[in-house]
Structure formats: C-alpha cells, structure tokens
C-alpha cells in the first residue's frame, strides 16, 4: 500500500511539473509586465505632472517571429526629457496573400529602465489584423518617468532601446490559454 501511495505521489508531482513548464513562459511574461522586471515597460493611465531637464535618447527596434510581415520603426531614435511625452511610429507590411492576425510583445534595455518606461497608447495592447499586401502605421505614445532621475543606480542610463516583436496572435493566445488552464 505504501508503494502505491508513493507512485501516485510521484506521478502527481511529475504531472504538476509538466503543467508548470507549459505555463512558465506566459506566467513569466505576466510577472514582467506587472513588475517591470526584465525590461518590460509599464502601462500608464496618465502622464506625470512634472518634466525634468535630464534627457534620454530613445532608440527603436522591430523584430518578427514566424510571421510574413516586414516590420520597422519609422525613426531610429528620439530624444526626450524625463516626464515628457514621446510619439513614435512603426510600420508593418503584410508580405503574404492572406490576412495576418498579430500581437506584439515588447521590452526595453537596459532592463533596469523598464519600470520607468511608460506607455499611454500602443499598437501592442491588442490584436492587429493586416490584410494581404497592406501596410499600417502603428503609433506608440510614451514617457520616461521623472522618477528615473531620482535613482542613483540609474544615473548611467542615457539611452533606452524600445523593442517590439510581432507574433501570430493565435500562437500567443494559445500560450496564454494554456497558462490560465493550469
């Protein structure tokens, strides 16, 4: 009887570990979005009430993962003062003969700047469908919190790179559903 209980316990442990391995990436992404860990930016409801003289250079990066899209930033960089609004545009062109359903993930480097980089509006907040051969301009409205200037460990941050990667929406949605089922 004791051997049977041990086998059942080990089987449950293996099953639980397998379930957690499937949920790890979506759970990690959620954790990063909430905390800013790993360079994940924050979503802001409103702009800060102060702007400081310190400026940072924002650089823009665009990537794709298995999607038939040509994706690029329309500007390479933009200098803004901390607390000031920035506006950038990306461009996505569907190079296939079928509509493509997309979602973008994002982060910033250096990672320690993630909790201070805030988006007010972004094409990455929801699914995008781009028709065959269609090109869309995609805006992002952002600011870097003036609180960055108050942190001694962030004095060396003069450049922040904002990076996006487009994925098939169905792949992303499937990973999210698997995580919520576990």
N, C-alpha and C. Protein backbone atom coordinates (compact mmCIF):
# COMPACT_ATOMS: atom_id res chain seq x y z
N UNK A 1 0.82 -1.20 0.00
CA UNK A 1 0.00 0.00 0.00
C UNK A 1 0.86 1.26 0.00
N UNK A 2 1.96 1.27 0.76
CA UNK A 2 2.84 2.42 0.82
C UNK A 2 3.50 2.68 -0.53
N UNK A 3 3.84 1.62 -1.26
CA UNK A 3 4.44 1.79 -2.58
C UNK A 3 3.46 2.42 -3.55
N UNK A 4 2.22 2.02 -3.46
CA UNK A 4 1.19 2.57 -4.34
C UNK A 4 1.01 4.07 -4.08
N UNK A 5 0.99 4.49 -2.83
CA UNK A 5 0.86 5.91 -2.49
C UNK A 5 2.07 6.69 -2.99
N UNK A 6 3.25 6.10 -2.86
CA UNK A 6 4.46 6.76 -3.33
C UNK A 6 4.42 6.95 -4.85
N UNK A 7 3.99 5.91 -5.57
CA UNK A 7 3.88 6.00 -7.03
C UNK A 7 2.87 7.07 -7.42
N UNK A 8 1.73 7.13 -6.75
CA UNK A 8 0.72 8.15 -7.04
C UNK A 8 1.25 9.55 -6.74
N UNK A 9 1.96 9.70 -5.65
CA UNK A 9 2.54 10.99 -5.29
C UNK A 9 3.56 11.43 -6.33
N UNK A 10 4.43 10.53 -6.75
CA UNK A 10 5.43 10.86 -7.77
C UNK A 10 4.77 11.17 -9.11
N UNK A 11 3.73 10.45 -9.48
CA UNK A 11 3.01 10.73 -10.72
C UNK A 11 2.37 12.11 -10.68
N UNK A 12 1.78 12.46 -9.55
CA UNK A 12 1.18 13.79 -9.39
C UNK A 12 2.25 14.88 -9.46
N UNK A 13 3.39 14.62 -8.86
CA UNK A 13 4.49 15.59 -8.88
C UNK A 13 4.99 15.79 -10.31
N UNK A 14 5.17 14.73 -11.05
CA UNK A 14 5.63 14.83 -12.45
C UNK A 14 4.59 15.57 -13.29
N UNK A 15 3.32 15.26 -13.11
CA UNK A 15 2.26 15.93 -13.85
C UNK A 15 2.23 17.42 -13.53
N UNK A 16 2.36 17.76 -12.26
CA UNK A 16 2.38 19.17 -11.85
C UNK A 16 3.58 19.90 -12.43
N UNK A 17 4.73 19.28 -12.44
CA UNK A 17 5.92 19.92 -13.02
C UNK A 17 5.76 20.11 -14.52
N UNK A 18 5.17 19.16 -15.19
CA UNK A 18 4.92 19.28 -16.62
C UNK A 18 3.96 20.44 -16.90
N UNK A 19 2.90 20.53 -16.12
CA UNK A 19 1.94 21.63 -16.28
C UNK A 19 2.61 22.98 -16.04
N UNK A 20 3.45 23.08 -15.03
CA UNK A 20 4.14 24.33 -14.75
C UNK A 20 5.11 24.70 -15.87
N UNK A 21 5.72 23.72 -16.50
CA UNK A 21 6.65 24.03 -17.60
C UNK A 21 5.90 24.66 -18.78
N UNK A 22 4.68 24.22 -19.05
CA UNK A 22 3.90 24.83 -20.13
C UNK A 22 3.43 26.23 -19.74
N UNK A 23 3.20 26.46 -18.48
CA UNK A 23 2.71 27.76 -18.02
C UNK A 23 3.83 28.75 -17.74
N UNK A 24 5.06 28.31 -17.72
CA UNK A 24 6.18 29.16 -17.28
C UNK A 24 6.32 30.43 -18.10
N UNK A 25 6.34 30.32 -19.43
CA UNK A 25 6.58 31.50 -20.23
C UNK A 25 5.45 32.53 -20.13
N UNK A 26 4.18 32.15 -20.29
CA UNK A 26 3.12 33.15 -20.12
C UNK A 26 3.07 33.73 -18.71
N UNK A 27 3.31 32.91 -17.69
CA UNK A 27 3.33 33.44 -16.32
C UNK A 27 4.49 34.40 -16.12
N UNK A 28 5.65 34.06 -16.67
CA UNK A 28 6.81 34.95 -16.58
C UNK A 28 6.52 36.27 -17.29
N UNK A 29 5.90 36.22 -18.48
CA UNK A 29 5.55 37.45 -19.19
C UNK A 29 4.60 38.32 -18.36
N UNK A 30 3.62 37.70 -17.73
CA UNK A 30 2.69 38.45 -16.88
C UNK A 30 3.42 39.07 -15.70
N UNK A 31 4.29 38.31 -15.06
CA UNK A 31 5.09 38.83 -13.95
C UNK A 31 5.91 40.03 -14.40
N UNK A 32 6.56 39.92 -15.56
CA UNK A 32 7.41 41.01 -16.06
C UNK A 32 6.60 42.26 -16.37
N UNK A 33 5.41 42.08 -16.95
CA UNK A 33 4.58 43.25 -17.28
C UNK A 33 4.11 43.97 -16.02
N UNK A 34 3.83 43.22 -14.97
CA UNK A 34 3.35 43.84 -13.73
C UNK A 34 4.48 44.55 -12.99
N UNK A 35 5.66 43.93 -12.96
CA UNK A 35 6.76 44.46 -12.14
C UNK A 35 7.76 45.30 -12.90
N UNK A 36 7.79 45.22 -14.23
CA UNK A 36 8.83 45.90 -14.99
C UNK A 36 10.11 45.10 -15.05
N UNK A 37 10.11 43.90 -14.48
CA UNK A 37 11.29 43.05 -14.46
C UNK A 37 11.67 42.63 -15.88
N UNK A 38 12.95 42.51 -16.14
CA UNK A 38 13.42 42.05 -17.44
C UNK A 38 13.21 43.06 -18.55
N UNK A 39 13.07 44.34 -18.21
CA UNK A 39 12.92 45.37 -19.22
C UNK A 39 11.51 45.55 -19.73
N UNK A 40 10.54 44.93 -19.07
CA UNK A 40 9.15 45.08 -19.50
C UNK A 40 8.65 46.45 -19.06
N UNK A 41 8.05 47.15 -19.99
CA UNK A 41 7.57 48.51 -19.72
C UNK A 41 6.26 48.47 -18.94
N UNK A 42 5.82 49.63 -18.52
CA UNK A 42 4.56 49.76 -17.80
C UNK A 42 3.53 50.46 -18.68
N UNK A 43 2.27 50.26 -18.33
CA UNK A 43 1.17 50.95 -19.00
C UNK A 43 0.68 52.01 -18.04
N UNK A 44 0.63 53.26 -18.51
CA UNK A 44 0.23 54.38 -17.66
C UNK A 44 -1.17 54.85 -18.03
N UNK A 45 -1.90 55.29 -17.03
CA UNK A 45 -3.23 55.86 -17.23
C UNK A 45 -3.13 57.35 -17.57
N UNK A 46 -2.10 58.02 -17.02
CA UNK A 46 -1.95 59.46 -17.23
C UNK A 46 -0.47 59.81 -17.23
N UNK A 47 -0.17 60.95 -17.79
CA UNK A 47 1.21 61.43 -17.85
C UNK A 47 1.62 62.00 -16.49
N UNK A 48 2.90 62.05 -16.22
CA UNK A 48 3.35 62.63 -14.95
C UNK A 48 3.09 64.14 -14.92
N UNK A 49 3.10 64.70 -13.73
CA UNK A 49 2.82 66.12 -13.59
C UNK A 49 4.08 66.97 -13.58
N UNK A 50 5.23 66.36 -13.86
CA UNK A 50 6.46 67.15 -13.91
C UNK A 50 7.38 66.63 -15.01
N UNK A 51 8.17 67.55 -15.54
CA UNK A 51 9.18 67.24 -16.55
C UNK A 51 10.50 67.76 -16.00
N UNK A 52 11.54 66.95 -16.07
CA UNK A 52 12.86 67.39 -15.58
C UNK A 52 13.79 67.61 -16.76
N UNK A 53 14.87 68.34 -16.54
CA UNK A 53 15.78 68.70 -17.62
C UNK A 53 16.58 67.53 -18.18
N UNK A 54 16.74 66.48 -17.43
CA UNK A 54 17.54 65.36 -17.91
C UNK A 54 16.86 64.71 -19.12
N UNK A 55 17.64 64.51 -20.17
CA UNK A 55 17.11 63.90 -21.38
C UNK A 55 17.70 62.51 -21.57
N UNK A 56 16.94 61.66 -22.22
CA UNK A 56 17.41 60.33 -22.62
C UNK A 56 17.12 60.15 -24.10
N UNK A 57 17.95 59.36 -24.74
CA UNK A 57 17.77 59.04 -26.15
C UNK A 57 17.01 57.72 -26.23
N UNK A 58 15.85 57.72 -26.87
CA UNK A 58 15.07 56.50 -27.06
C UNK A 58 15.37 55.97 -28.45
N UNK A 59 15.82 54.72 -28.50
CA UNK A 59 16.08 54.06 -29.78
C UNK A 59 14.98 53.03 -30.02
N UNK A 60 14.69 52.76 -31.27
CA UNK A 60 13.56 51.91 -31.63
C UNK A 60 14.04 50.68 -32.41
N UNK A 61 13.48 49.52 -32.07
CA UNK A 61 13.86 48.25 -32.66
C UNK A 61 12.60 47.48 -33.01
N UNK A 62 12.64 46.73 -34.12
CA UNK A 62 11.49 45.95 -34.56
C UNK A 62 11.94 44.56 -35.02
N UNK A 63 11.19 43.53 -34.60
CA UNK A 63 11.51 42.14 -34.93
C UNK A 63 10.22 41.39 -35.24
N UNK A 64 10.36 40.24 -35.89
CA UNK A 64 9.23 39.35 -36.13
C UNK A 64 9.62 37.94 -35.73
N UNK A 65 8.61 37.14 -35.43
CA UNK A 65 8.85 35.74 -35.08
C UNK A 65 7.87 34.87 -35.85
N UNK A 66 8.30 34.40 -37.01
CA UNK A 66 7.49 33.47 -37.79
C UNK A 66 6.27 34.06 -38.45
N UNK A 67 6.26 35.35 -38.69
CA UNK A 67 5.12 35.98 -39.36
C UNK A 67 5.58 36.60 -40.68
N UNK A 68 4.72 36.58 -41.70
CA UNK A 68 5.09 37.15 -43.00
C UNK A 68 4.88 38.66 -43.03
N UNK A 69 5.63 39.35 -42.20
CA UNK A 69 5.47 40.79 -42.03
C UNK A 69 6.83 41.46 -42.19
N UNK A 70 6.85 42.58 -42.89
CA UNK A 70 8.03 43.46 -42.89
C UNK A 70 7.71 44.52 -41.85
N UNK A 71 8.51 44.61 -40.82
CA UNK A 71 8.21 45.45 -39.65
C UNK A 71 9.42 46.30 -39.34
N UNK A 72 9.20 47.62 -39.21
CA UNK A 72 10.33 48.51 -38.95
C UNK A 72 9.87 49.77 -38.23
N UNK A 73 10.78 50.39 -37.47
CA UNK A 73 10.46 51.70 -36.89
C UNK A 73 10.62 52.77 -37.98
N UNK A 74 9.81 53.81 -37.94
CA UNK A 74 9.92 54.88 -38.93
C UNK A 74 10.93 55.94 -38.51
N UNK A 75 11.47 55.84 -37.32
CA UNK A 75 12.55 56.70 -36.87
C UNK A 75 13.52 55.81 -36.08
N UNK A 76 14.78 56.16 -36.10
CA UNK A 76 15.75 55.32 -35.38
C UNK A 76 15.88 55.72 -33.93
N UNK A 77 15.69 57.00 -33.63
CA UNK A 77 15.80 57.44 -32.23
C UNK A 77 15.04 58.75 -32.03
N UNK A 78 14.86 59.08 -30.76
CA UNK A 78 14.13 60.30 -30.38
C UNK A 78 14.61 60.70 -28.99
N UNK A 79 15.06 61.93 -28.84
CA UNK A 79 15.50 62.39 -27.53
C UNK A 79 14.33 63.10 -26.83
N UNK A 80 14.08 62.69 -25.58
CA UNK A 80 13.03 63.32 -24.78
C UNK A 80 13.55 63.59 -23.38
N UNK A 81 12.94 64.59 -22.75
CA UNK A 81 13.24 64.85 -21.34
C UNK A 81 12.37 63.93 -20.48
N UNK A 82 12.85 63.61 -19.31
CA UNK A 82 12.09 62.74 -18.40
C UNK A 82 10.78 63.40 -18.04
N UNK A 83 9.68 62.66 -18.20
CA UNK A 83 8.34 63.17 -17.93
C UNK A 83 7.64 63.72 -19.16
N UNK A 84 8.37 63.94 -20.24
CA UNK A 84 7.82 64.50 -21.47
C UNK A 84 7.24 63.38 -22.34
N UNK A 85 6.15 63.69 -23.05
CA UNK A 85 5.56 62.72 -23.98
C UNK A 85 6.46 62.51 -25.19
N UNK A 86 6.51 61.27 -25.64
CA UNK A 86 7.16 60.94 -26.90
C UNK A 86 6.16 60.25 -27.79
N UNK A 87 6.32 60.39 -29.09
CA UNK A 87 5.46 59.73 -30.07
C UNK A 87 6.36 59.10 -31.12
N UNK A 88 6.16 57.83 -31.36
CA UNK A 88 6.94 57.12 -32.38
C UNK A 88 5.98 56.30 -33.24
N UNK A 89 6.41 56.05 -34.45
CA UNK A 89 5.63 55.23 -35.35
C UNK A 89 6.46 54.06 -35.85
N UNK A 90 5.79 52.92 -35.94
CA UNK A 90 6.34 51.73 -36.58
C UNK A 90 5.51 51.47 -37.82
N UNK A 91 6.06 50.70 -38.74
CA UNK A 91 5.33 50.35 -39.95
C UNK A 91 5.38 48.84 -40.14
N UNK A 92 4.22 48.27 -40.42
CA UNK A 92 4.12 46.82 -40.66
C UNK A 92 3.45 46.59 -42.01
N UNK A 93 4.10 45.77 -42.84
CA UNK A 93 3.57 45.42 -44.15
C UNK A 93 3.41 43.91 -44.23
N UNK A 94 2.20 43.49 -44.58
CA UNK A 94 1.93 42.06 -44.77
C UNK A 94 2.48 41.67 -46.14
N UNK A 95 3.45 40.77 -46.16
CA UNK A 95 4.08 40.35 -47.41
C UNK A 95 3.44 39.09 -47.99
N UNK A 96 2.35 38.62 -47.37
CA UNK A 96 1.69 37.41 -47.85
C UNK A 96 0.41 37.74 -48.62
N UNK A 97 -0.25 36.70 -49.12
CA UNK A 97 -1.51 36.90 -49.84
C UNK A 97 -2.72 36.55 -48.97
N UNK A 98 -2.50 36.47 -47.65
CA UNK A 98 -3.55 36.16 -46.68
C UNK A 98 -3.56 37.21 -45.57
N UNK A 99 -4.70 37.49 -44.95
CA UNK A 99 -4.69 38.37 -43.76
C UNK A 99 -3.87 37.71 -42.65
N UNK A 100 -3.20 38.54 -41.88
CA UNK A 100 -2.38 38.04 -40.78
C UNK A 100 -2.86 38.69 -39.48
N UNK A 101 -3.09 37.86 -38.47
CA UNK A 101 -3.51 38.32 -37.15
C UNK A 101 -2.27 38.32 -36.24
N UNK A 102 -1.96 39.50 -35.68
CA UNK A 102 -0.70 39.68 -34.95
C UNK A 102 -0.89 40.25 -33.57
N UNK A 103 0.09 40.02 -32.72
CA UNK A 103 0.19 40.68 -31.41
C UNK A 103 1.68 40.96 -31.19
N UNK A 104 1.99 42.06 -30.56
CA UNK A 104 3.38 42.43 -30.33
C UNK A 104 3.73 42.30 -28.85
N UNK A 105 4.89 41.72 -28.59
CA UNK A 105 5.45 41.76 -27.24
C UNK A 105 6.52 42.85 -27.25
N UNK A 106 6.90 43.31 -26.08
CA UNK A 106 7.80 44.46 -26.02
C UNK A 106 8.66 44.41 -24.77
N UNK A 107 9.79 45.10 -24.84
CA UNK A 107 10.62 45.32 -23.68
C UNK A 107 11.57 46.48 -23.95
N UNK A 108 12.30 46.88 -22.94
CA UNK A 108 13.31 47.92 -23.09
C UNK A 108 14.63 47.41 -22.53
N UNK A 109 15.71 47.98 -23.06
CA UNK A 109 17.03 47.78 -22.48
C UNK A 109 17.65 49.15 -22.29
N UNK A 110 18.40 49.35 -21.25
CA UNK A 110 18.75 48.37 -20.23
C UNK A 110 17.52 47.98 -19.40
N UNK A 111 17.52 46.75 -18.95
CA UNK A 111 16.36 46.22 -18.22
C UNK A 111 16.01 47.04 -16.99
N UNK A 112 17.01 47.62 -16.35
CA UNK A 112 16.74 48.39 -15.13
C UNK A 112 15.90 49.64 -15.41
N UNK A 113 15.78 50.04 -16.68
CA UNK A 113 14.95 51.20 -17.04
C UNK A 113 13.49 50.80 -17.26
N UNK A 114 13.19 49.51 -17.34
CA UNK A 114 11.84 49.03 -17.62
C UNK A 114 10.75 49.61 -16.73
N UNK A 115 10.96 49.64 -15.39
CA UNK A 115 9.89 50.17 -14.53
C UNK A 115 9.62 51.66 -14.72
N UNK A 116 10.50 52.38 -15.41
CA UNK A 116 10.35 53.83 -15.59
C UNK A 116 9.85 54.20 -16.98
N UNK A 117 9.80 53.22 -17.88
CA UNK A 117 9.33 53.48 -19.23
C UNK A 117 7.84 53.16 -19.27
N UNK A 118 7.01 54.15 -19.58
CA UNK A 118 5.55 54.01 -19.54
C UNK A 118 4.94 54.30 -20.90
N UNK A 119 3.90 53.52 -21.23
CA UNK A 119 3.17 53.74 -22.48
C UNK A 119 1.75 54.21 -22.15
N UNK A 120 1.34 55.25 -22.84
CA UNK A 120 -0.03 55.75 -22.71
C UNK A 120 -0.92 55.13 -23.78
N UNK A 121 -0.39 54.96 -24.98
CA UNK A 121 -1.11 54.32 -26.08
C UNK A 121 -0.10 53.49 -26.84
N UNK A 122 -0.55 52.31 -27.31
CA UNK A 122 0.38 51.46 -28.04
C UNK A 122 -0.37 50.47 -28.93
N UNK A 123 0.17 50.24 -30.10
CA UNK A 123 -0.37 49.23 -31.00
C UNK A 123 -0.23 47.83 -30.41
N UNK A 124 0.60 47.69 -29.39
CA UNK A 124 0.88 46.38 -28.80
C UNK A 124 -0.17 45.95 -27.77
N UNK A 125 -1.13 46.79 -27.46
CA UNK A 125 -2.11 46.46 -26.43
C UNK A 125 -3.18 45.49 -26.91
N UNK A 126 -3.32 45.33 -28.22
CA UNK A 126 -4.39 44.47 -28.73
C UNK A 126 -3.98 43.81 -30.04
N UNK A 127 -4.79 42.86 -30.45
CA UNK A 127 -4.57 42.15 -31.71
C UNK A 127 -4.66 43.11 -32.89
N UNK A 128 -3.81 42.89 -33.88
CA UNK A 128 -3.83 43.66 -35.13
C UNK A 128 -4.03 42.68 -36.29
N UNK A 129 -4.92 43.02 -37.20
CA UNK A 129 -5.10 42.22 -38.41
C UNK A 129 -4.66 43.10 -39.58
N UNK A 130 -3.73 42.56 -40.36
CA UNK A 130 -3.21 43.29 -41.51
C UNK A 130 -3.52 42.46 -42.75
N UNK A 131 -4.22 43.08 -43.69
CA UNK A 131 -4.64 42.39 -44.91
C UNK A 131 -3.48 42.10 -45.85
N UNK A 132 -3.73 41.26 -46.84
CA UNK A 132 -2.68 40.91 -47.81
C UNK A 132 -2.12 42.15 -48.50
N UNK A 133 -0.81 42.31 -48.46
CA UNK A 133 -0.16 43.45 -49.09
C UNK A 133 -0.37 44.78 -48.40
N UNK A 134 -1.14 44.81 -47.33
CA UNK A 134 -1.47 46.06 -46.64
C UNK A 134 -0.30 46.54 -45.77
N UNK A 135 -0.16 47.87 -45.68
CA UNK A 135 0.83 48.49 -44.80
C UNK A 135 0.09 49.36 -43.80
N UNK A 136 0.46 49.22 -42.53
CA UNK A 136 -0.15 50.03 -41.47
C UNK A 136 0.93 50.78 -40.70
N UNK A 137 0.61 52.04 -40.37
CA UNK A 137 1.45 52.82 -39.47
C UNK A 137 0.92 52.59 -38.06
N UNK A 138 1.81 52.27 -37.15
CA UNK A 138 1.42 51.89 -35.80
C UNK A 138 2.06 52.84 -34.79
N UNK A 139 1.25 53.62 -34.06
CA UNK A 139 1.80 54.60 -33.12
C UNK A 139 2.03 54.03 -31.72
N UNK A 140 2.96 54.65 -31.02
CA UNK A 140 3.15 54.40 -29.59
C UNK A 140 3.41 55.76 -28.93
N UNK A 141 2.64 56.06 -27.88
CA UNK A 141 2.80 57.29 -27.10
C UNK A 141 3.38 56.86 -25.75
N UNK A 142 4.47 57.48 -25.36
CA UNK A 142 5.21 57.02 -24.18
C UNK A 142 5.83 58.19 -23.42
N UNK A 143 6.33 57.89 -22.24
CA UNK A 143 7.17 58.81 -21.48
C UNK A 143 8.06 57.99 -20.57
N UNK A 144 9.16 58.60 -20.18
CA UNK A 144 10.05 58.01 -19.19
C UNK A 144 9.80 58.79 -17.91
N UNK A 145 9.48 58.08 -16.84
CA UNK A 145 9.13 58.71 -15.58
C UNK A 145 10.25 59.61 -15.07
N UNK A 146 9.90 60.79 -14.59
CA UNK A 146 10.92 61.65 -13.99
C UNK A 146 11.55 61.03 -12.74
N UNK A 147 10.91 60.00 -12.18
CA UNK A 147 11.48 59.31 -11.02
C UNK A 147 12.81 58.63 -11.36
N UNK A 148 13.05 58.38 -12.64
CA UNK A 148 14.33 57.79 -13.05
C UNK A 148 15.49 58.69 -12.62
N UNK A 149 15.25 59.99 -12.64
CA UNK A 149 16.30 60.96 -12.27
C UNK A 149 16.62 60.92 -10.78
N UNK A 150 15.72 60.37 -9.96
CA UNK A 150 15.92 60.33 -8.51
C UNK A 150 16.66 59.08 -8.05
N UNK A 151 16.97 58.17 -8.95
CA UNK A 151 17.59 56.90 -8.57
C UNK A 151 19.08 56.91 -8.91
N UNK A 152 19.91 56.78 -7.89
CA UNK A 152 21.37 56.82 -8.08
C UNK A 152 21.86 55.70 -8.99
N UNK A 153 21.26 54.54 -8.89
CA UNK A 153 21.71 53.41 -9.71
C UNK A 153 21.35 53.57 -11.18
N UNK A 154 20.59 54.60 -11.52
CA UNK A 154 20.18 54.81 -12.91
C UNK A 154 20.81 56.05 -13.53
N UNK A 155 21.81 56.61 -12.85
CA UNK A 155 22.48 57.80 -13.37
C UNK A 155 23.15 57.56 -14.71
N UNK A 156 23.56 56.31 -14.96
CA UNK A 156 24.25 55.98 -16.20
C UNK A 156 23.32 55.73 -17.39
N UNK A 157 22.03 55.76 -17.17
CA UNK A 157 21.07 55.49 -18.26
C UNK A 157 20.89 56.76 -19.09
N UNK A 158 21.47 56.73 -20.29
CA UNK A 158 21.34 57.85 -21.22
C UNK A 158 20.63 57.45 -22.49
N UNK A 159 20.57 56.13 -22.73
CA UNK A 159 19.91 55.59 -23.90
C UNK A 159 19.04 54.42 -23.48
N UNK A 160 17.81 54.41 -23.99
CA UNK A 160 16.88 53.30 -23.75
C UNK A 160 16.42 52.80 -25.11
N UNK A 161 16.48 51.49 -25.31
CA UNK A 161 16.01 50.90 -26.56
C UNK A 161 14.66 50.25 -26.33
N UNK A 162 13.67 50.67 -27.09
CA UNK A 162 12.32 50.10 -27.06
C UNK A 162 12.23 49.09 -28.19
N UNK A 163 11.96 47.84 -27.85
CA UNK A 163 11.97 46.76 -28.83
C UNK A 163 10.62 46.05 -28.87
N UNK A 164 10.15 45.79 -30.08
CA UNK A 164 8.90 45.04 -30.29
C UNK A 164 9.18 43.81 -31.13
N UNK A 165 8.43 42.75 -30.86
CA UNK A 165 8.45 41.55 -31.70
C UNK A 165 7.01 41.16 -32.00
N UNK A 166 6.69 41.01 -33.29
CA UNK A 166 5.37 40.56 -33.68
C UNK A 166 5.32 39.03 -33.75
N UNK A 167 4.23 38.45 -33.22
CA UNK A 167 3.94 37.02 -33.24
C UNK A 167 2.57 36.82 -33.87
N UNK A 168 2.31 35.59 -34.35
CA UNK A 168 0.95 35.24 -34.75
C UNK A 168 0.07 35.33 -33.50
N UNK A 169 -1.07 35.99 -33.60
CA UNK A 169 -1.97 36.14 -32.47
C UNK A 169 -2.43 34.80 -31.93
N UNK A 170 -2.73 33.86 -32.82
CA UNK A 170 -3.22 32.55 -32.40
C UNK A 170 -2.18 31.82 -31.54
N UNK A 171 -0.89 31.92 -31.90
CA UNK A 171 0.17 31.28 -31.11
C UNK A 171 0.24 31.89 -29.71
N UNK A 172 0.17 33.23 -29.64
CA UNK A 172 0.24 33.93 -28.37
C UNK A 172 -0.99 33.61 -27.52
N UNK A 173 -2.16 33.61 -28.16
CA UNK A 173 -3.41 33.34 -27.45
C UNK A 173 -3.42 31.92 -26.91
N UNK A 174 -2.91 30.96 -27.69
CA UNK A 174 -2.84 29.57 -27.24
C UNK A 174 -1.94 29.42 -26.03
N UNK A 175 -0.81 30.12 -26.02
CA UNK A 175 0.11 30.05 -24.87
C UNK A 175 -0.55 30.67 -23.63
N UNK A 176 -1.29 31.75 -23.83
CA UNK A 176 -1.98 32.39 -22.71
C UNK A 176 -3.07 31.49 -22.15
N UNK A 177 -3.84 30.82 -23.04
CA UNK A 177 -4.91 29.91 -22.57
C UNK A 177 -4.32 28.74 -21.81
N UNK A 178 -3.20 28.19 -22.30
CA UNK A 178 -2.58 27.06 -21.58
C UNK A 178 -2.18 27.47 -20.18
N UNK A 179 -1.67 28.68 -20.04
CA UNK A 179 -1.25 29.15 -18.72
C UNK A 179 -2.44 29.33 -17.79
N UNK A 180 -3.57 29.81 -18.34
CA UNK A 180 -4.74 30.05 -17.49
C UNK A 180 -5.43 28.75 -17.08
N UNK A 181 -5.27 27.69 -17.88
CA UNK A 181 -5.88 26.41 -17.55
C UNK A 181 -5.12 25.69 -16.44
N UNK A 182 -3.85 25.97 -16.30
CA UNK A 182 -3.03 25.26 -15.32
C UNK A 182 -3.18 25.82 -13.97
